[in-house]
Structures are given as structure tokens and as C-alpha cells.
Amino acid sequence: MADETKPTGTESGAAAPPAIDYDKIESMIIKGTQQKESAILKSYFEQLGMSSEEVQAAVQDFKSKRDSQANEKETNYANAQQEIAQLKAQILQDKIDRKANDMAMDLGVERSAVPYVIRMADLTNAVNDKGEISEDAIKAALEKVLTDVPGLKSDKTRSNGFVRIGGSGSNTQTTAQNEVLANIFGTNRKKGSN
């Protein structure tokens, strides 16, 4: 018996499937759609009793209006997307400002100075790569401002709008002051004399 070899796919006459050209398919679909659309429009306008010149003008007018509407829709969509992005950025900035305000108060910044501290702080890194607010970055930026301008931090020794008038109410007056006051008011009594 002779040794028989099995034929391979190429030897048996079966060809490999042809390569598919998707771009060609797409252009064929577009061309067919355009031709069908033109035929439908032409038929419609002819039914209205238009001449061939009027039909061509009406088809062109229809297509230009449709293209104009499509461009307008695209422009409106792009504008809406831009507005949404701006609103998102504004909302995020408001959240950053509120967080920075709270943190500045916690760091001892006077309430009246907080807006200035926030404006001076470099909050460009306040949002991490995940789009979340980074409290550490905000705190570091605020601390940097307070390091550079320490006068913005609240001074605990100052009064909160109250100015003390007169003595403190403690018995720390010296005897010399007591004698001067006693002489002024005529109550100078010496001890042991009647």
C-alpha cells in the first residue's frame, strides 16, 4: 500500500476567505442611501407637479436645510456639553472653597481673613487624579500661606471686640496708689490714730 498524504486546504481547492473591506462597504451603503433618498425626494416633488428644474432646486434646498439643522444640533450639543463641564467645574470649586474655609477656621485663621487666605492659597492640587478633593493638599496650601503671612492667623491675646476700661478687679494695687487715692478723696486715715 502506498503512503497517502491528506490534502491540505489550499491543495484541495478551498480558498481562504477574502479580506473584508469595511470602508468599501460603508461607502456603498452611504451611496445607496443617498441615491434612494434622492429618488424619494424627486418622486415626492414630481407628485406636487414641479418641473425637473424645480425638483432639482427643491432637492438641493431640502438637503441644505437638513445639513444646516444637523450642524445646528451638533453646535447645540457641543455648547450643552461645554456648559455642563463649566457647571461641574464651578460645583467642584465651590466644594473646594467650603472645605478650605472649614480647614482655615480649624487652623486658627480669623473669620474675616479666611477669604483672603483662600485666595492666596495655591489650590491647584486640591483635586487628586481620581477627581476627589484632597484635604491634605488643601491643608498644605493653607499652611503655606500662614507660614508666609503669619499675621493672618488669629492672635489669641487680643480681645474679641471688648476693650477693658479700668482695673482688672484684682487686689494688685500698690500701697502708693492707695495713699494717692485716699488723699484725693480725703479718706486718708493713718493706722492707730483716732
Protein backbone atom coordinates (compact mmCIF):
# COMPACT_ATOMS: atom_id res chain seq x y z
CA MET A 1 0.00 0.00 0.00
CA ALA A 2 1.20 3.34 -0.90
CA ASP A 3 1.50 6.02 1.70
CA GLU A 4 -1.23 8.57 1.02
CA THR A 5 -0.96 12.11 2.27
CA LYS A 6 -4.01 14.07 3.19
CA PRO A 7 -4.51 17.16 1.11
CA THR A 8 -4.37 20.48 2.88
CA GLY A 9 -6.98 23.20 2.48
CA THR A 10 -5.00 25.03 -0.14
CA GLU A 11 -4.28 21.90 -2.09
CA SER A 12 -7.90 20.77 -2.10
CA GLY A 13 -9.01 23.88 -3.91
CA ALA A 14 -10.65 25.61 -0.92
CA ALA A 15 -9.53 29.21 -0.89
CA ALA A 16 -9.05 31.33 2.23
CA PRO A 17 -11.95 33.66 2.89
CA PRO A 18 -11.49 37.01 1.15
CA ALA A 19 -10.48 40.00 3.21
CA ILE A 20 -13.42 42.21 4.06
CA ASP A 21 -13.06 45.90 3.19
CA TYR A 22 -15.27 47.66 5.71
CA ASP A 23 -14.55 51.10 4.29
CA LYS A 24 -15.81 49.98 0.88
CA ILE A 25 -18.95 48.54 2.48
CA GLU A 26 -19.57 51.80 4.31
CA SER A 27 -19.17 53.90 1.17
CA MET A 28 -21.55 51.57 -0.72
CA ILE A 29 -24.19 51.96 1.99
CA ILE A 30 -23.81 55.74 2.03
CA LYS A 31 -24.01 55.94 -1.79
CA GLY A 32 -27.07 53.66 -1.90
CA THR A 33 -28.79 55.64 0.85
CA GLN A 34 -28.12 58.91 -0.96
CA GLN A 35 -29.44 57.56 -4.24
CA LYS A 36 -32.57 56.19 -2.60
CA GLU A 37 -33.10 59.47 -0.76
CA SER A 38 -32.74 61.48 -3.97
CA ALA A 39 -35.20 59.17 -5.75
CA ILE A 40 -37.76 59.53 -2.94
CA LEU A 41 -37.42 63.32 -2.92
CA LYS A 42 -37.64 63.53 -6.71
CA SER A 43 -40.75 61.36 -6.73
CA TYR A 44 -42.38 63.46 -4.00
CA PHE A 45 -41.69 66.78 -5.71
CA GLU A 46 -42.84 65.43 -9.10
CA GLN A 47 -46.11 64.37 -7.48
CA LEU A 48 -46.55 68.01 -6.47
CA GLY A 49 -46.40 68.92 -10.17
CA MET A 50 -42.94 70.53 -10.20
CA SER A 51 -40.81 70.73 -13.30
CA SER A 52 -37.45 68.95 -13.42
CA GLU A 53 -35.58 72.22 -12.69
CA GLU A 54 -37.89 72.93 -9.73
CA VAL A 55 -37.42 69.35 -8.49
CA GLN A 56 -33.62 69.71 -8.56
CA ALA A 57 -33.80 73.06 -6.75
CA ALA A 58 -36.21 71.63 -4.14
CA VAL A 59 -33.97 68.57 -3.56
CA GLN A 60 -30.92 70.82 -3.09
CA ASP A 61 -32.88 73.12 -0.78
CA PHE A 62 -34.07 70.16 1.30
CA LYS A 63 -30.55 68.73 1.62
CA SER A 64 -29.02 72.10 2.55
CA LYS A 65 -31.70 72.70 5.20
CA ARG A 66 -31.16 69.22 6.60
CA ASP A 67 -27.39 69.77 6.75
CA SER A 68 -27.94 73.14 8.39
CA GLN A 69 -30.20 71.57 11.03
CA ALA A 70 -27.67 68.80 11.63
CA ASN A 71 -24.90 71.38 12.11
CA GLU A 72 -27.12 73.37 14.46
CA LYS A 73 -27.85 70.26 16.51
CA GLU A 74 -24.14 69.45 16.71
CA THR A 75 -23.38 73.02 17.80
CA ASN A 76 -26.14 72.95 20.42
CA TYR A 77 -24.87 69.62 21.72
CA ALA A 78 -21.29 70.90 21.92
CA ASN A 79 -22.49 74.06 23.73
CA ALA A 80 -24.53 71.97 26.18
CA GLN A 81 -21.52 69.76 26.88
CA GLN A 82 -19.38 72.84 27.46
CA GLU A 83 -21.96 74.32 29.86
CA ILE A 84 -22.16 71.03 31.75
CA ALA A 85 -18.37 70.95 32.07
CA GLN A 86 -18.36 74.56 33.34
CA LEU A 87 -21.10 73.81 35.89
CA LYS A 88 -19.24 70.74 37.11
CA ALA A 89 -16.06 72.79 37.49
CA GLN A 90 -17.96 75.51 39.36
CA ILE A 91 -19.57 72.96 41.71
CA LEU A 92 -16.17 71.38 42.37
CA GLN A 93 -14.63 74.80 43.04
CA ASP A 94 -17.43 75.61 45.50
CA LYS A 95 -16.77 72.32 47.33
CA ILE A 96 -13.05 73.11 47.47
CA ASP A 97 -13.76 76.61 48.80
CA ARG A 98 -16.11 75.28 51.50
CA LYS A 99 -13.57 72.66 52.58
CA ALA A 100 -10.78 75.26 52.57
CA ASN A 101 -12.97 77.63 54.61
CA ASP A 102 -13.58 74.97 57.27
CA MET A 103 -9.92 73.99 57.36
CA ALA A 104 -8.76 77.61 57.62
CA MET A 105 -11.01 78.11 60.64
CA ASP A 106 -9.60 74.92 62.19
CA LEU A 107 -6.08 76.28 61.62
CA GLY A 108 -6.92 79.39 63.64
CA VAL A 109 -7.41 81.90 60.85
CA GLU A 110 -9.60 84.85 61.82
CA ARG A 111 -13.03 84.66 60.23
CA SER A 112 -12.54 87.98 58.45
CA ALA A 113 -9.21 86.82 56.97
CA VAL A 114 -10.41 83.43 55.69
CA PRO A 115 -11.43 84.63 52.18
CA TYR A 116 -8.03 86.26 51.71
CA VAL A 117 -6.16 83.17 52.88
CA ILE A 118 -8.16 81.01 50.46
CA ARG A 119 -7.45 83.37 47.55
CA MET A 120 -3.73 83.36 48.35
CA ALA A 121 -3.56 79.58 48.72
CA ASP A 122 -2.43 77.56 45.71
CA LEU A 123 -5.33 75.11 45.47
CA THR A 124 -4.41 73.77 42.02
CA ASN A 125 -3.63 70.37 43.54
CA ALA A 126 -6.80 70.27 45.65
CA VAL A 127 -8.27 67.54 43.42
CA ASN A 128 -6.46 64.24 43.05
CA ASP A 129 -6.24 62.16 39.88
CA LYS A 130 -9.49 60.37 40.77
CA GLY A 131 -11.38 63.68 40.82
CA GLU A 132 -11.72 63.66 44.62
CA ILE A 133 -10.94 66.60 46.87
CA SER A 134 -7.63 66.11 48.68
CA GLU A 135 -7.88 67.52 52.21
CA ASP A 136 -4.14 67.09 52.70
CA ALA A 137 -3.37 69.25 49.66
CA ILE A 138 -5.78 71.96 50.82
CA LYS A 139 -4.33 71.93 54.33
CA ALA A 140 -0.77 72.11 52.99
CA ALA A 141 -1.68 75.08 50.76
CA LEU A 142 -3.33 76.93 53.65
CA GLU A 143 -0.42 76.22 56.00
CA LYS A 144 1.98 77.57 53.37
CA VAL A 145 0.06 80.86 53.27
CA LEU A 146 0.03 81.06 57.07
CA THR A 147 3.77 80.37 57.15
CA ASP A 148 4.41 83.11 54.60
CA VAL A 149 1.99 85.60 56.21
CA PRO A 150 1.67 84.69 59.91
CA GLY A 151 -0.32 87.86 60.63
CA LEU A 152 -3.36 86.20 59.07
CA LYS A 153 -3.53 83.72 61.91
CA SER A 154 -5.71 84.71 64.82
CA ASP A 155 -3.96 86.30 67.82
CA LYS A 156 -5.36 84.74 71.00
CA THR A 157 -4.07 87.59 73.19
CA ARG A 158 -6.25 90.16 71.52
CA SER A 159 -9.68 90.81 72.86
CA ASN A 160 -12.71 89.88 70.80
CA GLY A 161 -14.05 93.38 70.37
CA PHE A 162 -14.06 94.25 74.07
CA VAL A 163 -11.71 96.81 75.49
CA ARG A 164 -11.11 96.74 79.23
CA ILE A 165 -11.58 100.04 80.96
CA GLY A 166 -10.30 100.41 84.49
CA GLY A 167 -8.60 97.87 86.68
CA SER A 168 -8.78 94.16 86.38
CA GLY A 169 -10.64 93.81 89.68
CA SER A 170 -7.77 92.11 91.46
CA ASN A 171 -6.07 93.46 94.61
CA THR A 172 -2.76 94.13 92.99
CA GLN A 173 -2.71 97.87 93.50
CA THR A 174 0.33 99.13 95.32
CA THR A 175 0.12 100.94 98.61
CA ALA A 176 1.39 104.10 96.95
CA GLN A 177 -1.61 104.12 94.66
CA ASN A 178 -3.91 103.56 97.63
CA GLU A 179 -2.41 106.50 99.50
CA VAL A 180 -2.74 108.80 96.49
CA LEU A 181 -6.37 107.87 96.10
CA ALA A 182 -7.04 108.25 99.83
CA ASN A 183 -5.55 111.76 99.80
CA ILE A 184 -7.66 112.75 96.81
CA PHE A 185 -10.87 111.63 98.41
CA GLY A 186 -9.96 112.77 101.88
CA THR A 187 -10.10 109.37 103.42
CA ASN A 188 -6.51 109.29 104.45
CA ARG A 189 -6.51 107.60 107.79
CA LYS A 190 -3.41 106.51 109.39
CA LYS A 191 -3.44 103.29 111.25
CA GLY A 192 -3.56 103.57 115.00
CA SER A 193 -4.68 107.21 115.17
CA ASN A 194 -8.15 108.30 116.15
